[in-house]
Protein backbone atom coordinates (compact mmCIF):
# COMPACT_ATOMS: atom_id res chain seq x y z
CA UNK A 1 -10.05 16.55 58.86
CA UNK A 2 -9.72 20.24 58.34
CA UNK A 3 -6.12 19.78 57.29
CA UNK A 4 -7.25 17.17 54.78
CA UNK A 5 -10.03 19.27 53.40
CA UNK A 6 -7.52 22.28 52.98
CA UNK A 7 -4.95 20.03 51.23
CA UNK A 8 -7.75 18.82 48.86
CA UNK A 9 -8.86 22.50 48.27
CA UNK A 10 -5.18 23.61 47.52
CA UNK A 11 -4.91 20.71 45.08
CA UNK A 12 -8.08 21.64 43.27
CA UNK A 13 -7.12 25.17 42.99
CA UNK A 14 -3.46 24.02 41.64
CA UNK A 15 -5.42 22.12 39.04
CA UNK A 16 -7.42 25.06 37.93
CA UNK A 17 -4.54 27.21 37.71
CA UNK A 18 -2.90 24.46 35.62
CA UNK A 19 -5.80 22.84 34.12
CA UNK A 20 -3.78 21.31 31.14
CA UNK A 21 -1.36 19.73 33.27
CA UNK A 22 -3.89 18.06 35.57
CA UNK A 23 -6.01 16.93 32.50
CA UNK A 24 -2.91 15.27 30.97
CA UNK A 25 -1.49 13.90 34.20
CA UNK A 26 -0.57 10.06 34.09
CA UNK A 27 -1.64 8.33 37.34
CA UNK A 28 1.05 6.02 38.96
CA UNK A 29 1.05 2.74 37.11
CA UNK A 30 -0.79 4.03 34.16
CA UNK A 31 0.91 2.78 30.92
CA UNK A 32 -1.06 5.13 28.50
CA UNK A 33 0.75 7.42 26.33
CA UNK A 34 2.01 10.63 27.78
CA UNK A 35 0.72 14.20 26.95
CA UNK A 36 1.81 15.19 23.18
CA UNK A 37 2.66 18.67 22.16
CA UNK A 38 0.59 18.75 18.91
CA UNK A 39 3.05 21.09 17.39
CA UNK A 40 6.04 18.96 18.01
CA UNK A 41 4.75 15.56 17.80
CA UNK A 42 6.54 12.51 16.25
CA UNK A 43 4.61 10.37 13.90
CA UNK A 44 5.66 6.84 13.01
CA UNK A 45 5.56 5.68 9.44
CA UNK A 46 6.11 1.86 8.96
CA UNK A 47 6.16 0.74 5.53
CA UNK A 48 6.40 -3.05 4.49
CA UNK A 49 9.18 -3.60 1.97
CA UNK A 50 11.54 -2.05 -0.64
CA UNK A 51 10.66 -4.56 -3.38
CA UNK A 52 7.83 -2.32 -4.42
CA UNK A 53 9.56 0.85 -5.57
CA UNK A 54 6.48 2.94 -4.87
CA UNK A 55 6.99 3.03 -1.16
CA UNK A 56 10.30 5.03 -1.37
CA UNK A 57 9.47 6.95 -4.46
CA UNK A 58 5.92 7.89 -3.74
CA UNK A 59 4.27 6.96 -0.34
CA UNK A 60 7.15 7.97 1.85
CA UNK A 61 8.05 11.41 0.27
CA UNK A 62 4.28 12.48 -0.11
CA UNK A 63 3.53 11.61 3.45
CA UNK A 64 6.58 13.36 4.93
CA UNK A 65 5.92 16.41 2.70
CA UNK A 66 2.39 16.72 3.98
CA UNK A 67 3.30 16.40 7.57
CA UNK A 68 6.06 19.04 7.34
CA UNK A 69 3.82 21.44 5.39
CA UNK A 70 1.04 21.36 7.90
CA UNK A 71 3.10 20.90 11.18
CA UNK A 72 6.57 22.35 10.58
CA UNK A 73 7.49 21.40 14.16
CA UNK A 74 6.42 17.79 13.69
CA UNK A 75 8.77 14.80 13.08
CA UNK A 76 8.34 11.73 10.97
CA UNK A 77 9.99 8.50 12.21
CA UNK A 78 10.43 6.20 9.40
CA UNK A 79 11.28 2.49 9.17
CA UNK A 80 10.93 0.00 6.26
CA UNK A 81 10.49 -3.79 7.30
CA UNK A 82 12.01 -5.28 4.18
CA UNK A 83 9.12 -7.78 3.97
CA UNK A 84 9.95 -9.08 7.58
CA UNK A 85 6.92 -9.13 9.93
CA UNK A 86 9.22 -9.73 12.98
CA UNK A 87 11.32 -6.89 11.92
CA UNK A 88 8.30 -4.73 11.61
CA UNK A 89 7.18 -5.82 15.19
CA UNK A 90 10.56 -4.68 16.44
CA UNK A 91 10.40 -1.45 14.73
CA UNK A 92 7.04 -0.62 15.90
CA UNK A 93 8.03 -1.47 19.66
CA UNK A 94 11.00 0.80 19.34
CA UNK A 95 8.86 3.66 17.90
CA UNK A 96 6.36 3.20 20.79
CA UNK A 97 9.06 3.24 23.39
CA UNK A 98 10.43 6.47 21.85
CA UNK A 99 7.13 8.14 22.36
CA UNK A 100 5.48 8.41 18.80
CA UNK A 101 2.16 10.10 18.90
CA UNK A 102 0.57 8.06 16.15
CA UNK A 103 1.49 5.10 14.22
CA UNK A 104 0.72 4.94 10.38
CA UNK A 105 1.30 1.29 9.59
CA UNK A 106 1.41 -0.58 6.24
CA UNK A 107 1.59 -4.12 7.50
CA UNK A 108 3.70 -6.80 6.05
CA UNK A 109 1.30 -9.37 7.75
CA UNK A 110 -2.13 -8.00 8.49
CA UNK A 111 -2.82 -10.76 11.11
CA UNK A 112 0.47 -10.53 12.82
CA UNK A 113 0.40 -6.76 12.83
CA UNK A 114 -2.69 -6.90 15.12
CA UNK A 115 -0.26 -7.26 18.00
CA UNK A 116 1.36 -3.95 17.07
CA UNK A 117 -1.95 -2.34 17.16
CA UNK A 118 -2.83 -3.86 20.50
CA UNK A 119 0.47 -2.65 22.06
CA UNK A 120 -0.17 0.78 20.65
CA UNK A 121 -3.69 0.92 22.19
CA UNK A 122 -2.33 -0.17 25.54
CA UNK A 123 -0.11 3.05 25.36
CA UNK A 124 -2.71 5.23 24.00
CA UNK A 125 -1.22 5.60 20.69
CA UNK A 126 -3.75 5.49 17.68
CA UNK A 127 -2.92 3.38 14.73
CA UNK A 128 -3.79 4.16 11.07
CA UNK A 129 -3.94 1.23 8.75
CA UNK A 130 -2.22 2.32 5.62
CA UNK A 131 -2.96 0.59 2.29
CA UNK A 132 -3.50 -2.84 3.94
CA UNK A 133 -6.17 -3.65 6.47
CA UNK A 134 -4.98 -4.89 9.95
CA UNK A 135 -7.10 -7.61 11.75
CA UNK A 136 -7.63 -5.47 14.98
CA UNK A 137 -10.65 -3.63 16.35
CA UNK A 138 -8.41 -0.94 17.64
CA UNK A 139 -7.74 0.84 14.39
CA UNK A 140 -8.47 4.54 14.26
CA UNK A 141 -8.45 4.95 10.55
CA UNK A 142 -7.98 3.08 7.16
CA UNK A 143 -7.03 4.40 3.82
CA UNK A 144 -6.42 2.36 0.62
CA UNK A 145 -7.45 1.92 -2.85
CA UNK A 146 -10.39 -0.15 -4.02
CA UNK A 147 -8.43 -3.51 -3.83
CA UNK A 148 -11.35 -5.53 -5.38
CA UNK A 149 -11.52 -3.25 -8.21
CA UNK A 150 -7.73 -3.53 -8.77
CA UNK A 151 -8.06 -7.16 -9.26
CA UNK A 152 -11.14 -6.69 -11.53
CA UNK A 153 -9.36 -4.17 -13.66
CA UNK A 154 -6.43 -6.20 -14.12
CA UNK A 155 -8.34 -9.41 -15.24
CA UNK A 156 -10.82 -7.46 -17.40
CA UNK A 157 -7.81 -5.98 -19.24
CA UNK A 158 -6.07 -9.08 -19.80
CA UNK A 159 -9.19 -10.83 -20.98
CA UNK A 160 -10.15 -7.88 -23.30
CA UNK A 161 -6.60 -8.04 -24.85
CA UNK A 162 -6.78 -11.76 -25.41
CA UNK A 163 -9.93 -11.24 -27.23
CA UNK A 164 -8.23 -8.39 -29.42
CA UNK A 165 -5.44 -10.83 -30.18
CA UNK A 166 -8.03 -13.49 -31.26
CA UNK A 167 -6.88 -15.93 -28.60
CA UNK A 168 -9.46 -18.76 -28.83
CA UNK A 169 -11.44 -19.74 -25.69
CA UNK A 170 -9.50 -22.33 -23.67
CA UNK A 171 -6.18 -20.34 -24.08
CA UNK A 172 -3.96 -20.54 -21.09
CA UNK A 173 -3.25 -17.99 -18.31
CA UNK A 174 -0.55 -18.10 -15.69
CA UNK A 175 -1.57 -16.50 -12.36
CA UNK A 176 1.29 -14.82 -10.46
CA UNK A 177 -0.41 -13.48 -7.27
CA UNK A 178 1.00 -11.41 -4.38
CA UNK A 179 2.25 -12.44 -0.96
CA UNK A 180 0.12 -14.79 0.96
CA UNK A 181 0.47 -12.61 4.06
CA UNK A 182 -0.99 -9.51 2.35
CA UNK A 183 -4.63 -9.29 2.68
CA UNK A 184 -4.71 -7.10 -0.35
CA UNK A 185 -3.10 -9.82 -2.38
CA UNK A 186 -5.86 -12.08 -1.35
CA UNK A 187 -8.37 -9.47 -2.57
CA UNK A 188 -6.81 -8.97 -5.86
CA UNK A 189 -6.61 -12.73 -6.57
CA UNK A 190 -10.30 -13.33 -5.57
CA UNK A 191 -11.65 -10.34 -7.71
CA UNK A 192 -9.44 -11.40 -10.66
CA UNK A 193 -10.47 -14.96 -10.47
CA UNK A 194 -14.18 -13.75 -10.44
CA UNK A 195 -13.50 -12.43 -13.92
CA UNK A 196 -11.09 -15.22 -15.30
CA UNK A 197 -13.34 -17.94 -14.30
CA UNK A 198 -16.09 -16.65 -16.28
CA UNK A 199 -13.94 -15.62 -19.28
CA UNK A 200 -13.64 -18.97 -21.15
CA UNK A 201 -9.81 -18.84 -20.66
CA UNK A 202 -8.03 -21.36 -18.58
CA UNK A 203 -5.91 -20.60 -15.54
CA UNK A 204 -2.97 -23.09 -16.04
CA UNK A 205 -1.35 -22.67 -12.77
CA UNK A 206 -1.41 -20.16 -9.75
CA UNK A 207 1.35 -18.95 -7.36
CA UNK A 208 1.29 -16.99 -4.36
CA UNK A 209 4.58 -15.13 -4.50
CA UNK A 210 6.47 -14.90 -1.04
CA UNK A 211 7.15 -11.26 -0.22
CA UNK A 212 6.05 -10.04 -3.56
CA UNK A 213 9.65 -11.03 -4.70
CA UNK A 214 9.97 -10.51 -8.45
CA UNK A 215 12.95 -12.98 -8.36
CA UNK A 216 10.59 -15.68 -6.98
CA UNK A 217 7.99 -14.94 -9.77
CA UNK A 218 10.71 -15.29 -12.38
CA UNK A 219 11.80 -18.54 -11.15
CA UNK A 220 8.23 -19.91 -10.92
CA UNK A 221 7.34 -18.59 -14.32
CA UNK A 222 10.31 -20.15 -15.88
CA UNK A 223 9.18 -23.54 -14.51
CA UNK A 224 5.68 -23.10 -15.91
CA UNK A 225 7.12 -22.32 -19.41
CA UNK A 226 8.98 -25.71 -19.19
CA UNK A 227 5.72 -27.34 -18.50
CA UNK A 228 3.20 -25.34 -20.59
CA UNK A 229 5.23 -23.84 -23.32
CA UNK A 230 3.11 -22.12 -26.02
CA UNK A 231 -0.14 -22.86 -24.17
CA UNK A 232 0.63 -19.64 -22.14
CA UNK A 233 -1.36 -17.00 -23.73
CA UNK A 234 -1.36 -14.47 -21.13
CA UNK A 235 0.05 -13.71 -17.50
CA UNK A 236 -1.87 -12.22 -14.59
CA UNK A 237 0.69 -10.51 -12.59
CA UNK A 238 -0.56 -8.84 -9.33
CA UNK A 239 1.95 -6.01 -9.38
CA UNK A 240 4.77 -4.43 -11.59
CA UNK A 241 7.50 -6.01 -9.55
CA UNK A 242 5.88 -9.65 -10.37
CA UNK A 243 5.43 -8.56 -13.92
CA UNK A 244 8.98 -7.71 -14.38
CA UNK A 245 10.07 -11.15 -13.08
CA UNK A 246 7.57 -12.86 -15.23
CA UNK A 247 8.48 -10.92 -18.32
CA UNK A 248 12.12 -11.63 -17.66
CA UNK A 249 11.22 -15.45 -17.72
CA UNK A 250 9.11 -15.27 -20.85
CA UNK A 251 11.81 -13.27 -22.80
CA UNK A 252 14.68 -15.64 -21.45
CA UNK A 253 12.56 -18.40 -23.05
CA UNK A 254 12.34 -16.67 -26.38
CA UNK A 255 8.71 -16.06 -26.21
CA UNK A 256 8.12 -13.10 -28.76
CA UNK A 257 6.00 -11.19 -28.47
CA UNK A 258 5.69 -11.45 -24.90
CA UNK A 259 2.21 -12.57 -23.77
CA UNK A 260 0.09 -9.93 -22.46
CA UNK A 261 1.01 -9.26 -18.80
CA UNK A 262 -0.79 -7.22 -16.10
CA UNK A 263 0.68 -5.18 -13.38
CA UNK A 264 -0.12 -2.69 -10.54
CA UNK A 265 1.39 0.48 -9.16
CA UNK A 266 2.49 2.32 -12.29
CA UNK A 267 6.11 2.12 -11.51
CA UNK A 268 8.51 3.97 -13.79
CA UNK A 269 9.91 0.65 -15.08
CA UNK A 270 6.48 -0.71 -15.81
CA UNK A 271 5.44 2.38 -17.75
CA UNK A 272 8.50 2.13 -19.80
CA UNK A 273 7.59 -1.62 -20.54
CA UNK A 274 4.21 -0.67 -21.57
CA UNK A 275 5.73 2.02 -24.00
CA UNK A 276 7.96 -0.58 -25.35
CA UNK A 277 5.27 -3.26 -25.71
CA UNK A 278 6.49 -5.86 -23.23
CA UNK A 279 4.02 -5.32 -20.55
CA UNK A 280 0.55 -4.89 -21.41
CA UNK A 281 -1.16 -2.85 -18.54
CA UNK A 282 -0.73 -1.71 -15.03
CA UNK A 283 -3.09 -0.21 -12.55
CA UNK A 284 -2.56 3.43 -11.41
CA UNK A 285 -3.58 4.16 -7.92
CA UNK A 286 -3.60 7.76 -6.46
CA UNK A 287 -0.71 6.95 -4.02
CA UNK A 288 0.34 10.52 -3.34
CA UNK A 289 -3.24 11.30 -2.39
CA UNK A 290 -3.55 8.28 -0.32
CA UNK A 291 -0.36 9.33 1.52
CA UNK A 292 -1.58 12.82 2.09
CA UNK A 293 -4.96 11.53 3.41
CA UNK A 294 -2.95 9.55 5.97
CA UNK A 295 -1.01 12.29 7.07
CA UNK A 296 -3.96 14.56 7.61
CA UNK A 297 -5.56 11.72 9.49
CA UNK A 298 -2.40 11.57 11.70
CA UNK A 299 -2.36 15.19 12.46
CA UNK A 300 -6.00 15.22 13.24
CA UNK A 301 -5.41 12.37 15.78
CA UNK A 302 -2.32 14.10 17.20
CA UNK A 303 -4.66 17.08 17.83
CA UNK A 304 -7.23 14.89 19.50
CA UNK A 305 -9.69 14.70 16.76
CA UNK A 306 -11.37 11.81 15.01
CA UNK A 307 -10.49 11.56 11.24
CA UNK A 308 -13.49 11.72 9.03
CA UNK A 309 -13.77 8.90 6.40
CA UNK A 310 -15.89 8.96 3.21
CA UNK A 311 -16.97 5.51 4.48
CA UNK A 312 -16.38 2.76 6.93
CA UNK A 313 -14.69 -0.64 6.93
CA UNK A 314 -15.76 -3.45 9.19
CA UNK A 315 -12.80 -5.12 10.82
CA UNK A 316 -12.77 -7.60 13.71
CA UNK A 317 -16.31 -6.58 14.67
CA UNK A 318 -15.69 -2.89 14.69
CA UNK A 319 -16.55 -0.14 12.09
CA UNK A 320 -13.48 1.84 11.28
CA UNK A 321 -13.70 5.25 9.36
CA UNK A 322 -12.05 4.73 5.96
CA UNK A 323 -11.29 6.36 2.60
CA UNK A 324 -11.35 4.16 -0.47
CA UNK A 325 -9.73 5.55 -3.64
CA UNK A 326 -10.36 4.61 -7.15
CA UNK A 327 -7.78 2.71 -9.31
CA UNK A 328 -7.46 3.32 -13.15
CA UNK A 329 -6.35 0.73 -15.56
CA UNK A 330 -3.58 1.91 -17.74
CA UNK A 331 -2.42 0.78 -21.05
CA UNK A 332 -0.47 2.42 -23.89
CA UNK A 333 -3.59 4.01 -24.96
CA UNK A 334 -3.93 6.22 -21.74
CA UNK A 335 -0.55 6.11 -20.15
CA UNK A 336 0.31 9.76 -21.09
CA UNK A 337 -2.89 11.05 -19.71
CA UNK A 338 -3.03 9.18 -16.59
CA UNK A 339 0.58 8.87 -15.48
CA UNK A 340 2.47 11.82 -17.23
CA UNK A 341 -0.18 14.59 -17.49
CA UNK A 342 -1.11 13.97 -13.89
CA UNK A 343 2.33 14.62 -12.67
CA UNK A 344 2.60 11.09 -11.25
CA UNK A 345 5.79 10.66 -13.19
CA UNK A 346 7.85 13.11 -15.34
CA UNK A 347 8.79 12.87 -18.87
CA UNK A 348 12.44 12.81 -17.85
CA UNK A 349 11.83 9.85 -15.59
CA UNK A 350 10.18 7.86 -18.25
CA UNK A 351 11.88 8.82 -21.41
CA UNK A 352 15.45 8.00 -20.77
CA UNK A 353 17.75 7.33 -23.58
CA UNK A 354 16.69 3.68 -23.97
CA UNK A 355 13.03 4.71 -24.21
CA UNK A 356 13.14 7.92 -26.00
CA UNK A 357 12.02 6.42 -29.35
CA UNK A 358 8.99 4.74 -27.66
CA UNK A 359 7.99 8.01 -25.97
CA UNK A 360 8.26 9.80 -29.45
CA UNK A 361 6.21 7.06 -31.01
CA UNK A 362 3.29 7.43 -28.41
CA UNK A 363 3.35 11.33 -28.22
CA UNK A 364 5.30 11.76 -24.99
CA UNK A 365 7.84 14.61 -24.95
């Protein structure tokens, strides 16, 4: 008995002398995540697709820049799912196996991605839902734009433009929605319809575009032109990629001027179309700020803290700390101030030779 007590005492003394090691020890059979060196952590960033150019041009570089600025010894492990939920699952599992300290996840499918969060939780790895909510109670943080407001701004802008053009009540609108697996697309559509249904204009047809693919939008709109022709007075497109596809179909059908078309994300090509008059509006979201907030939250989690949100979001019966950013409707009237003067895009990016005359016309130089 004395020998046992002596052994226990020696073990206790050893723990006192190496307190951090004992505190972080993993018991046999424990599948939780091992101890992480906060100064040399690997943070996983999983983005959903490359169809939307913002992910590679804005979200990823802003996130990586912030991580490296605040934690020079940290590493960002990055993967893009190319709009494939099964691929994203495999990418997440690979990152978890490699020992990432935190996952920042923009889900292809918010329902399916719950399994990723569950697996991460089982390994003690916190997950930040980025841009799109994930249906899991185990989320640690959520950051996104106000997605309801995005849909409202799009629809309000379209209706206002139809009024300016003198389109009578009953005029027709095509509705090109986002991917049915993206919860944000569901929110945009619902919010937009809350405006359009009260506008006096008629939604001729609706389409939920698989994987946010502009080519799919183009094919569908081409079919609707065959059916509805000049009854089409405007197009609700949920983002700039869908707007591009819709506009291509309208132009191919010889519709000139192109009916007012909405968008989202303030992509370079969309801003150029707005200046040229082929796309009516887009929605600017502070994407780089969103990525910075996500990076800061990830580093807080790496260091054992709890990210502070400016509010909360209820998901799967749990309240998750969150930050919701404010979107801005952008037309030719305010594109310089919102997109150029803010530094979101540069003059050189927008005013390429093909668009130089439009830039000059609208005072961008």
